[in-house]
PDB file of all heavy atoms in Angstrom:
ATOM      1  N   ALA A   1     -35.803 -15.332 -18.131  1.00  0.00           N
ATOM      2  CA  ALA A   1     -34.469 -14.746 -18.040  1.00  0.00           C
ATOM      3  C   ALA A   1     -34.009 -14.762 -16.591  1.00  0.00           C
ATOM      4  O   ALA A   1     -34.785 -14.511 -15.676  1.00  0.00           O
ATOM      5  CB  ALA A   1     -34.488 -13.322 -18.559  1.00  0.00           C
ATOM      6  N   LEU A   2     -32.751 -15.082 -16.424  1.00  0.00           N
ATOM      7  CA  LEU A   2     -32.170 -15.074 -15.082  1.00  0.00           C
ATOM      8  C   LEU A   2     -31.190 -13.927 -14.979  1.00  0.00           C
ATOM      9  O   LEU A   2     -30.436 -13.661 -15.914  1.00  0.00           O
ATOM     10  CB  LEU A   2     -31.446 -16.395 -14.803  1.00  0.00           C
ATOM     11  CG  LEU A   2     -32.305 -17.653 -14.834  1.00  0.00           C
ATOM     12  CD1 LEU A   2     -31.420 -18.867 -14.676  1.00  0.00           C
ATOM     13  CD2 LEU A   2     -33.336 -17.600 -13.721  1.00  0.00           C
ATOM     14  N   THR A   3     -31.186 -13.261 -13.861  1.00  0.00           N
ATOM     15  CA  THR A   3     -30.220 -12.183 -13.622  1.00  0.00           C
ATOM     16  C   THR A   3     -29.603 -12.379 -12.259  1.00  0.00           C
ATOM     17  O   THR A   3     -30.166 -13.018 -11.383  1.00  0.00           O
ATOM     18  CB  THR A   3     -30.892 -10.787 -13.677  1.00  0.00           C
ATOM     19  OG1 THR A   3     -31.887 -10.723 -12.656  1.00  0.00           O
ATOM     20  CG2 THR A   3     -31.506 -10.516 -15.028  1.00  0.00           C
ATOM     21  N   ALA A   4     -28.432 -11.816 -12.122  1.00  0.00           N
ATOM     22  CA  ALA A   4     -27.736 -11.878 -10.841  1.00  0.00           C
ATOM     23  C   ALA A   4     -27.099 -10.524 -10.573  1.00  0.00           C
ATOM     24  O   ALA A   4     -26.669  -9.829 -11.484  1.00  0.00           O
ATOM     25  CB  ALA A   4     -26.669 -12.960 -10.850  1.00  0.00           C
ATOM     26  N   THR A   5     -27.073 -10.157  -9.335  1.00  0.00           N
ATOM     27  CA  THR A   5     -26.457  -8.897  -8.937  1.00  0.00           C
ATOM     28  C   THR A   5     -25.483  -9.180  -7.803  1.00  0.00           C
ATOM     29  O   THR A   5     -25.782  -9.958  -6.901  1.00  0.00           O
ATOM     30  CB  THR A   5     -27.528  -7.907  -8.439  1.00  0.00           C
ATOM     31  OG1 THR A   5     -28.497  -7.738  -9.455  1.00  0.00           O
ATOM     32  CG2 THR A   5     -26.902  -6.576  -8.097  1.00  0.00           C
ATOM     33  N   THR A   6     -24.324  -8.564  -7.880  1.00  0.00           N
ATOM     34  CA  THR A   6     -23.362  -8.682  -6.794  1.00  0.00           C
ATOM     35  C   THR A   6     -23.003  -7.291  -6.314  1.00  0.00           C
ATOM     36  O   THR A   6     -23.022  -6.327  -7.078  1.00  0.00           O
ATOM     37  CB  THR A   6     -22.076  -9.406  -7.223  1.00  0.00           C
ATOM     38  OG1 THR A   6     -21.467  -8.657  -8.253  1.00  0.00           O
ATOM     39  CG2 THR A   6     -22.369 -10.810  -7.690  1.00  0.00           C
ATOM     40  N   THR A   7     -22.689  -7.204  -5.062  1.00  0.00           N
ATOM     41  CA  THR A   7     -22.276  -5.941  -4.471  1.00  0.00           C
ATOM     42  C   THR A   7     -21.015  -6.180  -3.667  1.00  0.00           C
ATOM     43  O   THR A   7     -20.924  -7.149  -2.919  1.00  0.00           O
ATOM     44  CB  THR A   7     -23.371  -5.396  -3.517  1.00  0.00           C
ATOM     45  OG1 THR A   7     -24.579  -5.275  -4.261  1.00  0.00           O
ATOM     46  CG2 THR A   7     -22.977  -4.064  -2.948  1.00  0.00           C
ATOM     47  N   GLU A   8     -20.054  -5.302  -3.853  1.00  0.00           N
ATOM     48  CA  GLU A   8     -18.831  -5.372  -3.058  1.00  0.00           C
ATOM     49  C   GLU A   8     -18.805  -4.159  -2.138  1.00  0.00           C
ATOM     50  O   GLU A   8     -18.982  -3.031  -2.585  1.00  0.00           O
ATOM     51  CB  GLU A   8     -17.596  -5.360  -3.963  1.00  0.00           C
ATOM     52  CG  GLU A   8     -17.462  -6.615  -4.786  1.00  0.00           C
ATOM     53  CD  GLU A   8     -16.178  -6.629  -5.573  1.00  0.00           C
ATOM     54  OE1 GLU A   8     -15.121  -6.307  -4.999  1.00  0.00           O
ATOM     55  OE2 GLU A   8     -16.233  -6.971  -6.757  1.00  0.00           O
ATOM     56  N   THR A   9     -18.588  -4.402  -0.876  1.00  0.00           N
ATOM     57  CA  THR A   9     -18.523  -3.322   0.088  1.00  0.00           C
ATOM     58  C   THR A   9     -17.159  -3.340   0.745  1.00  0.00           C
ATOM     59  O   THR A   9     -16.696  -4.382   1.211  1.00  0.00           O
ATOM     60  CB  THR A   9     -19.610  -3.484   1.172  1.00  0.00           C
ATOM     61  OG1 THR A   9     -20.872  -3.588   0.515  1.00  0.00           O
ATOM     62  CG2 THR A   9     -19.612  -2.317   2.116  1.00  0.00           C
ATOM     63  N   TYR A  10     -16.519  -2.202   0.747  1.00  0.00           N
ATOM     64  CA  TYR A  10     -15.214  -2.072   1.382  1.00  0.00           C
ATOM     65  C   TYR A  10     -15.321  -1.077   2.519  1.00  0.00           C
ATOM     66  O   TYR A  10     -15.981  -0.053   2.400  1.00  0.00           O
ATOM     67  CB  TYR A  10     -14.162  -1.577   0.372  1.00  0.00           C
ATOM     68  CG  TYR A  10     -14.008  -2.482  -0.818  1.00  0.00           C
ATOM     69  CD1 TYR A  10     -14.470  -2.109  -2.072  1.00  0.00           C
ATOM     70  CD2 TYR A  10     -13.400  -3.717  -0.697  1.00  0.00           C
ATOM     71  CE1 TYR A  10     -14.327  -2.941  -3.170  1.00  0.00           C
ATOM     72  CE2 TYR A  10     -13.252  -4.559  -1.785  1.00  0.00           C
ATOM     73  CZ  TYR A  10     -13.720  -4.161  -3.014  1.00  0.00           C
ATOM     74  OH  TYR A  10     -13.574  -4.991  -4.093  1.00  0.00           O
ATOM     75  N   SER A  11     -14.653  -1.372   3.603  1.00  0.00           N
ATOM     76  CA  SER A  11     -14.683  -0.460   4.748  1.00  0.00           C
ATOM     77  C   SER A  11     -13.464   0.439   4.782  1.00  0.00           C
ATOM     78  O   SER A  11     -13.368   1.296   5.635  1.00  0.00           O
ATOM     79  CB  SER A  11     -14.790  -1.261   6.050  1.00  0.00           C
ATOM     80  OG  SER A  11     -13.665  -2.108   6.180  1.00  0.00           O
ATOM     81  N   TRP A  12     -12.549   0.267   3.846  1.00  0.00           N
ATOM     82  CA  TRP A  12     -11.321   1.047   3.862  1.00  0.00           C
ATOM     83  C   TRP A  12     -11.411   2.230   2.910  1.00  0.00           C
ATOM     84  O   TRP A  12     -12.217   2.261   1.987  1.00  0.00           O
ATOM     85  CB  TRP A  12     -10.109   0.177   3.533  1.00  0.00           C
ATOM     86  CG  TRP A  12     -10.306  -0.814   2.429  1.00  0.00           C
ATOM     87  CD1 TRP A  12     -10.659  -2.124   2.566  1.00  0.00           C
ATOM     88  CD2 TRP A  12     -10.170  -0.591   1.027  1.00  0.00           C
ATOM     89  NE1 TRP A  12     -10.747  -2.717   1.334  1.00  0.00           N
ATOM     90  CE2 TRP A  12     -10.451  -1.802   0.363  1.00  0.00           C
ATOM     91  CE3 TRP A  12      -9.835   0.504   0.250  1.00  0.00           C
ATOM     92  CZ2 TRP A  12     -10.405  -1.940  -1.007  1.00  0.00           C
ATOM     93  CZ3 TRP A  12      -9.792   0.371  -1.129  1.00  0.00           C
ATOM     94  CH2 TRP A  12     -10.066  -0.852  -1.734  1.00  0.00           C
ATOM     95  N   THR A  13     -10.558   3.219   3.189  1.00  0.00           N
ATOM     96  CA  THR A  13     -10.518   4.438   2.387  1.00  0.00           C
ATOM     97  C   THR A  13      -9.094   4.644   1.871  1.00  0.00           C
ATOM     98  O   THR A  13      -8.178   3.907   2.232  1.00  0.00           O
ATOM     99  CB  THR A  13     -10.911   5.662   3.233  1.00  0.00           C
ATOM    100  OG1 THR A  13      -9.910   5.841   4.251  1.00  0.00           O
ATOM    101  CG2 THR A  13     -12.282   5.482   3.879  1.00  0.00           C
ATOM    102  N   GLU A  14      -8.915   5.686   1.083  1.00  0.00           N
ATOM    103  CA  GLU A  14      -7.581   6.030   0.602  1.00  0.00           C
ATOM    104  C   GLU A  14      -6.647   6.339   1.763  1.00  0.00           C
ATOM    105  O   GLU A  14      -5.459   6.033   1.725  1.00  0.00           O
ATOM    106  CB  GLU A  14      -7.661   7.253  -0.336  1.00  0.00           C
ATOM    107  CG  GLU A  14      -7.179   6.944  -1.709  1.00  0.00           C
ATOM    108  CD  GLU A  14      -7.173   8.151  -2.625  1.00  0.00           C
ATOM    109  OE1 GLU A  14      -6.568   9.186  -2.291  1.00  0.00           O
ATOM    110  OE2 GLU A  14      -7.772   8.024  -3.695  1.00  0.00           O
ATOM    111  N   THR A  15      -7.190   6.941   2.805  1.00  0.00           N
ATOM    112  CA  THR A  15      -6.393   7.254   3.994  1.00  0.00           C
ATOM    113  C   THR A  15      -5.881   5.978   4.652  1.00  0.00           C
ATOM    114  O   THR A  15      -4.752   5.940   5.148  1.00  0.00           O
ATOM    115  CB  THR A  15      -7.218   8.086   4.997  1.00  0.00           C
ATOM    116  OG1 THR A  15      -7.692   9.256   4.329  1.00  0.00           O
ATOM    117  CG2 THR A  15      -6.410   8.477   6.210  1.00  0.00           C
ATOM    118  N   ASP A  16      -6.695   4.946   4.666  1.00  0.00           N
ATOM    119  CA  ASP A  16      -6.266   3.656   5.226  1.00  0.00           C
ATOM    120  C   ASP A  16      -5.103   3.084   4.411  1.00  0.00           C
ATOM    121  O   ASP A  16      -4.125   2.581   4.968  1.00  0.00           O
ATOM    122  CB  ASP A  16      -7.427   2.659   5.256  1.00  0.00           C
ATOM    123  CG  ASP A  16      -8.546   3.113   6.172  1.00  0.00           C
ATOM    124  OD1 ASP A  16      -8.253   3.666   7.249  1.00  0.00           O
ATOM    125  OD2 ASP A  16      -9.719   2.931   5.797  1.00  0.00           O
ATOM    126  N   ILE A  17      -5.204   3.176   3.091  1.00  0.00           N
ATOM    127  CA  ILE A  17      -4.125   2.688   2.225  1.00  0.00           C
ATOM    128  C   ILE A  17      -2.855   3.504   2.476  1.00  0.00           C
ATOM    129  O   ILE A  17      -1.764   2.943   2.592  1.00  0.00           O
ATOM    130  CB  ILE A  17      -4.541   2.724   0.741  1.00  0.00           C
ATOM    131  CG1 ILE A  17      -5.692   1.736   0.507  1.00  0.00           C
ATOM    132  CG2 ILE A  17      -3.354   2.389  -0.162  1.00  0.00           C
ATOM    133  CD1 ILE A  17      -6.315   1.818  -0.876  1.00  0.00           C
ATOM    134  N   GLU A  18      -2.993   4.828   2.603  1.00  0.00           N
ATOM    135  CA  GLU A  18      -1.832   5.684   2.894  1.00  0.00           C
ATOM    136  C   GLU A  18      -1.164   5.276   4.202  1.00  0.00           C
ATOM    137  O   GLU A  18       0.062   5.222   4.295  1.00  0.00           O
ATOM    138  CB  GLU A  18      -2.252   7.150   2.967  1.00  0.00           C
ATOM    139  CG  GLU A  18      -2.622   7.745   1.639  1.00  0.00           C
ATOM    140  CD  GLU A  18      -3.287   9.106   1.743  1.00  0.00           C
ATOM    141  OE1 GLU A  18      -3.447   9.626   2.876  1.00  0.00           O
ATOM    142  OE2 GLU A  18      -3.657   9.658   0.690  1.00  0.00           O
ATOM    143  N   HIS A  19      -1.969   4.973   5.202  1.00  0.00           N
ATOM    144  CA  HIS A  19      -1.452   4.557   6.511  1.00  0.00           C
ATOM    145  C   HIS A  19      -0.633   3.267   6.382  1.00  0.00           C
ATOM    146  O   HIS A  19       0.488   3.169   6.896  1.00  0.00           O
ATOM    147  CB  HIS A  19      -2.618   4.365   7.484  1.00  0.00           C
ATOM    148  CG  HIS A  19      -2.215   3.882   8.830  1.00  0.00           C
ATOM    149  ND1 HIS A  19      -1.767   4.726   9.813  1.00  0.00           N
ATOM    150  CD2 HIS A  19      -2.170   2.638   9.358  1.00  0.00           C
ATOM    151  CE1 HIS A  19      -1.467   4.024  10.890  1.00  0.00           C
ATOM    152  NE2 HIS A  19      -1.703   2.752  10.643  1.00  0.00           N
ATOM    153  N   VAL A  20      -1.186   2.292   5.682  1.00  0.00           N
ATOM    154  CA  VAL A  20      -0.494   1.013   5.489  1.00  0.00           C
ATOM    155  C   VAL A  20       0.766   1.220   4.649  1.00  0.00           C
ATOM    156  O   VAL A  20       1.836   0.682   4.957  1.00  0.00           O
ATOM    157  CB  VAL A  20      -1.435  -0.027   4.850  1.00  0.00           C
ATOM    158  CG1 VAL A  20      -0.671  -1.281   4.439  1.00  0.00           C
ATOM    159  CG2 VAL A  20      -2.565  -0.374   5.809  1.00  0.00           C
ATOM    160  N   MET A  21       0.648   1.997   3.596  1.00  0.00           N
ATOM    161  CA  MET A  21       1.787   2.209   2.707  1.00  0.00           C
ATOM    162  C   MET A  21       2.905   2.992   3.373  1.00  0.00           C
ATOM    163  O   MET A  21       4.072   2.877   2.970  1.00  0.00           O
ATOM    164  CB  MET A  21       1.337   2.892   1.412  1.00  0.00           C
ATOM    165  CG  MET A  21       0.425   2.020   0.543  1.00  0.00           C
ATOM    166  SD  MET A  21       1.058   0.359   0.191  1.00  0.00           S
ATOM    167  CE  MET A  21       2.466   0.746  -0.822  1.00  0.00           C
ATOM    168  N   SER A  22       2.607   3.758   4.412  1.00  0.00           N
ATOM    169  CA  SER A  22       3.679   4.441   5.151  1.00  0.00           C
ATOM    170  C   SER A  22       4.587   3.419   5.833  1.00  0.00           C
ATOM    171  O   SER A  22       5.791   3.629   5.969  1.00  0.00           O
ATOM    172  CB  SER A  22       3.109   5.425   6.178  1.00  0.00           C
ATOM    173  OG  SER A  22       2.497   4.751   7.252  1.00  0.00           O
ATOM    174  N   ARG A  23       4.048   2.287   6.212  1.00  0.00           N
ATOM    175  CA  ARG A  23       4.849   1.210   6.794  1.00  0.00           C
ATOM    176  C   ARG A  23       5.709   0.542   5.723  1.00  0.00           C
ATOM    177  O   ARG A  23       6.865   0.201   5.957  1.00  0.00           O
ATOM    178  CB  ARG A  23       3.947   0.204   7.495  1.00  0.00           C
ATOM    179  CG  ARG A  23       3.521   0.697   8.866  1.00  0.00           C
ATOM    180  CD  ARG A  23       2.144   0.280   9.258  1.00  0.00           C
ATOM    181  NE  ARG A  23       1.825   0.632  10.634  1.00  0.00           N
ATOM    182  CZ  ARG A  23       1.576   1.868  11.064  1.00  0.00           C
ATOM    183  NH1 ARG A  23       1.624   2.878  10.239  1.00  0.00           N
ATOM    184  NH2 ARG A  23       1.290   2.108  12.330  1.00  0.00           N
ATOM    185  N   PHE A  24       5.137   0.344   4.540  1.00  0.00           N
ATOM    186  CA  PHE A  24       5.911  -0.167   3.411  1.00  0.00           C
ATOM    187  C   PHE A  24       7.071   0.778   3.110  1.00  0.00           C
ATOM    188  O   PHE A  24       8.206   0.336   2.919  1.00  0.00           O
ATOM    189  CB  PHE A  24       4.994  -0.321   2.185  1.00  0.00           C
ATOM    190  CG  PHE A  24       5.734  -0.560   0.899  1.00  0.00           C
ATOM    191  CD1 PHE A  24       6.215  -1.819   0.579  1.00  0.00           C
ATOM    192  CD2 PHE A  24       5.957   0.483   0.012  1.00  0.00           C
ATOM    193  CE1 PHE A  24       6.907  -2.039  -0.607  1.00  0.00           C
ATOM    194  CE2 PHE A  24       6.643   0.270  -1.174  1.00  0.00           C
ATOM    195  CZ  PHE A  24       7.123  -0.988  -1.487  1.00  0.00           C
ATOM    196  N   HIS A  25       6.794   2.073   3.076  1.00  0.00           N
ATOM    197  CA  HIS A  25       7.818   3.071   2.790  1.00  0.00           C
ATOM    198  C   HIS A  25       8.928   3.022   3.844  1.00  0.00           C
ATOM    199  O   HIS A  25      10.118   3.080   3.508  1.00  0.00           O
ATOM    200  CB  HIS A  25       7.176   4.458   2.737  1.00  0.00           C
ATOM    201  CG  HIS A  25       8.046   5.516   2.162  1.00  0.00           C
ATOM    202  ND1 HIS A  25       7.589   6.772   1.900  1.00  0.00           N
ATOM    203  CD2 HIS A  25       9.350   5.535   1.794  1.00  0.00           C
ATOM    204  CE1 HIS A  25       8.566   7.516   1.397  1.00  0.00           C
ATOM    205  NE2 HIS A  25       9.643   6.775   1.335  1.00  0.00           N
ATOM    206  N   ALA A  26       8.551   2.885   5.107  1.00  0.00           N
ATOM    207  CA  ALA A  26       9.550   2.792   6.183  1.00  0.00           C
ATOM    208  C   ALA A  26      10.429   1.551   5.995  1.00  0.00           C
ATOM    209  O   ALA A  26      11.654   1.623   6.151  1.00  0.00           O
ATOM    210  CB  ALA A  26       8.863   2.762   7.544  1.00  0.00           C
ATOM    211  N   ASP A  27       9.822   0.423   5.661  1.00  0.00           N
ATOM    212  CA  ASP A  27      10.590  -0.796   5.390  1.00  0.00           C
ATOM    213  C   ASP A  27      11.558  -0.570   4.236  1.00  0.00           C
ATOM    214  O   ASP A  27      12.736  -0.934   4.302  1.00  0.00           O
ATOM    215  CB  ASP A  27       9.660  -1.957   5.009  1.00  0.00           C
ATOM    216  CG  ASP A  27       9.056  -2.683   6.194  1.00  0.00           C
ATOM    217  OD1 ASP A  27       9.373  -2.339   7.354  1.00  0.00           O
ATOM    218  OD2 ASP A  27       8.262  -3.610   5.942  1.00  0.00           O
ATOM    219  N   LEU A  28      11.062   0.024   3.168  1.00  0.00           N
ATOM    220  CA  LEU A  28      11.874   0.249   1.977  1.00  0.00           C
ATOM    221  C   LEU A  28      13.072   1.140   2.296  1.00  0.00           C
ATOM    222  O   LEU A  28      14.193   0.886   1.841  1.00  0.00           O
ATOM    223  CB  LEU A  28      11.003   0.867   0.878  1.00  0.00           C
ATOM    224  CG  LEU A  28      11.433   0.675  -0.559  1.00  0.00           C
ATOM    225  CD1 LEU A  28      11.564  -0.800  -0.915  1.00  0.00           C
ATOM    226  CD2 LEU A  28      10.452   1.366  -1.500  1.00  0.00           C
ATOM    227  N   LYS A  29      12.849   2.166   3.113  1.00  0.00           N
ATOM    228  CA  LYS A  29      13.958   3.051   3.521  1.00  0.00           C
ATOM    229  C   LYS A  29      15.007   2.278   4.318  1.00  0.00           C
ATOM    230  O   LYS A  29      16.203   2.456   4.119  1.00  0.00           O
ATOM    231  CB  LYS A  29      13.435   4.215   4.360  1.00  0.00           C
ATOM    232  CG  LYS A  29      12.856   5.331   3.557  1.00  0.00           C
ATOM    233  CD  LYS A  29      12.479   6.503   4.451  1.00  0.00           C
ATOM    234  CE  LYS A  29      12.002   7.654   3.598  1.00  0.00           C
ATOM    235  NZ  LYS A  29      11.790   8.869   4.386  1.00  0.00           N
ATOM    236  N   MET A  30      14.538   1.421   5.237  1.00  0.00           N
ATOM    237  CA  MET A  30      15.475   0.622   6.041  1.00  0.00           C
ATOM    238  C   MET A  30      16.304  -0.297   5.152  1.00  0.00           C
ATOM    239  O   MET A  30      17.507  -0.435   5.341  1.00  0.00           O
ATOM    240  CB  MET A  30      14.720  -0.205   7.082  1.00  0.00           C
ATOM    241  CG  MET A  30      14.270   0.571   8.282  1.00  0.00           C
ATOM    242  SD  MET A  30      13.471  -0.525   9.482  1.00  0.00           S
ATOM    243  CE  MET A  30      11.839   0.171   9.492  1.00  0.00           C
ATOM    244  N   ILE A  31      15.647  -0.929   4.184  1.00  0.00           N
ATOM    245  CA  ILE A  31      16.344  -1.839   3.282  1.00  0.00           C
ATOM    246  C   ILE A  31      17.373  -1.079   2.450  1.00  0.00           C
ATOM    247  O   ILE A  31      18.535  -1.479   2.352  1.00  0.00           O
ATOM    248  CB  ILE A  31      15.338  -2.592   2.376  1.00  0.00           C
ATOM    249  CG1 ILE A  31      14.491  -3.569   3.202  1.00  0.00           C
ATOM    250  CG2 ILE A  31      16.062  -3.317   1.249  1.00  0.00           C
ATOM    251  CD1 ILE A  31      13.288  -4.144   2.461  1.00  0.00           C
ATOM    252  N   ALA A  32      16.956   0.033   1.859  1.00  0.00           N
ATOM    253  CA  ALA A  32      17.846   0.812   0.994  1.00  0.00           C
ATOM    254  C   ALA A  32      19.036   1.370   1.769  1.00  0.00           C
ATOM    255  O   ALA A  32      20.177   1.314   1.297  1.00  0.00           O
ATOM    256  CB  ALA A  32      17.066   1.935   0.320  1.00  0.00           C
ATOM    257  N   GLN A  33      18.781   1.901   2.955  1.00  0.00           N
ATOM    258  CA  GLN A  33      19.870   2.483   3.755  1.00  0.00           C
ATOM    259  C   GLN A  33      20.824   1.416   4.271  1.00  0.00           C
ATOM    260  O   GLN A  33      22.045   1.578   4.206  1.00  0.00           O
ATOM    261  CB  GLN A  33      19.298   3.291   4.915  1.00  0.00           C
ATOM    262  CG  GLN A  33      18.656   4.586   4.472  1.00  0.00           C
ATOM    263  CD  GLN A  33      17.955   5.310   5.608  1.00  0.00           C
ATOM    264  OE1 GLN A  33      17.857   4.814   6.728  1.00  0.00           O
ATOM    265  NE2 GLN A  33      17.454   6.508   5.320  1.00  0.00           N
ATOM    266  N   SER A  34      20.282   0.319   4.782  1.00  0.00           N
ATOM    267  CA  SER A  34      21.157  -0.706   5.368  1.00  0.00           C
ATOM    268  C   SER A  34      22.020  -1.391   4.310  1.00  0.00           C
ATOM    269  O   SER A  34      23.150  -1.782   4.587  1.00  0.00           O
ATOM    270  CB  SER A  34      20.348  -1.731   6.170  1.00  0.00           C
ATOM    271  OG  SER A  34      19.478  -2.465   5.339  1.00  0.00           O
ATOM    272  N   THR A  35      21.492  -1.531   3.103  1.00  0.00           N
ATOM    273  CA  THR A  35      22.252  -2.191   2.037  1.00  0.00           C
ATOM    274  C   THR A  35      23.142  -1.217   1.268  1.00  0.00           C
ATOM    275  O   THR A  35      24.039  -1.644   0.537  1.00  0.00           O
ATOM    276  CB  THR A  35      21.305  -2.879   1.026  1.00  0.00           C
ATOM    277  OG1 THR A  35      20.447  -1.895   0.445  1.00  0.00           O
ATOM    278  CG2 THR A  35      20.496  -3.968   1.695  1.00  0.00           C
ATOM    279  N   GLY A  36      22.879   0.078   1.416  1.00  0.00           N
ATOM    280  CA  GLY A  36      23.655   1.084   0.705  1.00  0.00           C
ATOM    281  C   GLY A  36      23.415   1.074  -0.792  1.00  0.00           C
ATOM    282  O   GLY A  36      24.307   1.407  -1.566  1.00  0.00           O
ATOM    283  N   THR A  37      22.210   0.711  -1.200  1.00  0.00           N
ATOM    284  CA  THR A  37      21.944   0.541  -2.633  1.00  0.00           C
ATOM    285  C   THR A  37      21.221   1.719  -3.272  1.00  0.00           C
ATOM    286  O   THR A  37      21.679   2.236  -4.277  1.00  0.00           O
ATOM    287  CB  THR A  37      21.121  -0.733  -2.867  1.00  0.00           C
ATOM    288  OG1 THR A  37      19.984  -0.705  -2.002  1.00  0.00           O
ATOM    289  CG2 THR A  37      21.950  -1.977  -2.606  1.00  0.00           C
ATOM    290  N   TRP A  38      20.105   2.126  -2.761  1.00  0.00           N
ATOM    291  CA  TRP A  38      19.293   3.168  -3.373  1.00  0.00           C
ATOM    292  C   TRP A  38      19.461   4.500  -2.652  1.00  0.00           C
ATOM    293  O   TRP A  38      19.593   4.534  -1.423  1.00  0.00           O
ATOM    294  CB  TRP A  38      17.812   2.820  -3.333  1.00  0.00           C
ATOM    295  CG  TRP A  38      17.366   1.731  -4.243  1.00  0.00           C
ATOM    296  CD1 TRP A  38      18.100   1.067  -5.171  1.00  0.00           C
ATOM    297  CD2 TRP A  38      16.051   1.173  -4.296  1.00  0.00           C
ATOM    298  NE1 TRP A  38      17.325   0.131  -5.816  1.00  0.00           N
ATOM    299  CE2 TRP A  38      16.053   0.181  -5.288  1.00  0.00           C
ATOM    300  CE3 TRP A  38      14.879   1.416  -3.608  1.00  0.00           C
ATOM    301  CZ2 TRP A  38      14.934  -0.570  -5.602  1.00  0.00           C
ATOM    302  CZ3 TRP A  38      13.755   0.677  -3.921  1.00  0.00           C
ATOM    303  CH2 TRP A  38      13.779  -0.309  -4.915  1.00  0.00           C
ATOM    304  N   SER A  39      19.371   5.575  -3.408  1.00  0.00           N
ATOM    305  CA  SER A  39      19.362   6.912  -2.812  1.00  0.00           C
ATOM    306  C   SER A  39      18.012   7.141  -2.125  1.00  0.00           C
ATOM    307  O   SER A  39      17.031   6.427  -2.392  1.00  0.00           O
ATOM    308  CB  SER A  39      19.557   7.975  -3.894  1.00  0.00           C
ATOM    309  OG  SER A  39      18.413   8.019  -4.743  1.00  0.00           O
ATOM    310  N   GLU A  40      17.965   8.145  -1.281  1.00  0.00           N
ATOM    311  CA  GLU A  40      16.713   8.477  -0.607  1.00  0.00           C
ATOM    312  C   GLU A  40      15.652   8.901  -1.636  1.00  0.00           C
ATOM    313  O   GLU A  40      14.487   8.542  -1.520  1.00  0.00           O
ATOM    314  CB  GLU A  40      16.932   9.590   0.411  1.00  0.00           C
ATOM    315  CG  GLU A  40      15.721   9.864   1.263  1.00  0.00           C
ATOM    316  CD  GLU A  40      15.990  10.830   2.397  1.00  0.00           C
ATOM    317  OE1 GLU A  40      17.162  11.073   2.722  1.00  0.00           O
ATOM    318  OE2 GLU A  40      15.007  11.342   2.955  1.00  0.00           O
ATOM    319  N   LYS A  41      16.071   9.629  -2.657  1.00  0.00           N
ATOM    320  CA  LYS A  41      15.118  10.072  -3.691  1.00  0.00           C
ATOM    321  C   LYS A  41      14.537   8.882  -4.448  1.00  0.00           C
ATOM    322  O   LYS A  41      13.321   8.813  -4.663  1.00  0.00           O
ATOM    323  CB  LYS A  41      15.767  11.037  -4.667  1.00  0.00           C
ATOM    324  CG  LYS A  41      14.787  11.443  -5.781  1.00  0.00           C
ATOM    325  CD  LYS A  41      15.245  12.578  -6.606  1.00  0.00           C
ATOM    326  CE  LYS A  41      14.303  12.986  -7.721  1.00  0.00           C
ATOM    327  NZ  LYS A  41      13.010  12.430  -7.813  1.00  0.00           N
ATOM    328  N   LEU A  42      15.380   7.940  -4.848  1.00  0.00           N
ATOM    329  CA  LEU A  42      14.878   6.765  -5.555  1.00  0.00           C
ATOM    330  C   LEU A  42      13.922   5.977  -4.664  1.00  0.00           C
ATOM    331  O   LEU A  42      12.853   5.543  -5.112  1.00  0.00           O
ATOM    332  CB  LEU A  42      16.025   5.869  -6.036  1.00  0.00           C
ATOM    333  CG  LEU A  42      15.608   4.577  -6.746  1.00  0.00           C
ATOM    334  CD1 LEU A  42      14.709   4.861  -7.948  1.00  0.00           C
ATOM    335  CD2 LEU A  42      16.827   3.775  -7.155  1.00  0.00           C
TER     336      LEU A  42
END
């Protein structure tokens, strides 16, 4: 019988994702405000 094992290691955390996504959120706000399309809540 042959078996194989794989391991995935990530160095990032949820906090890292939050940090990156804050930049996405800032971009989205700029796009929505400059185009006059979406409300701040949306």
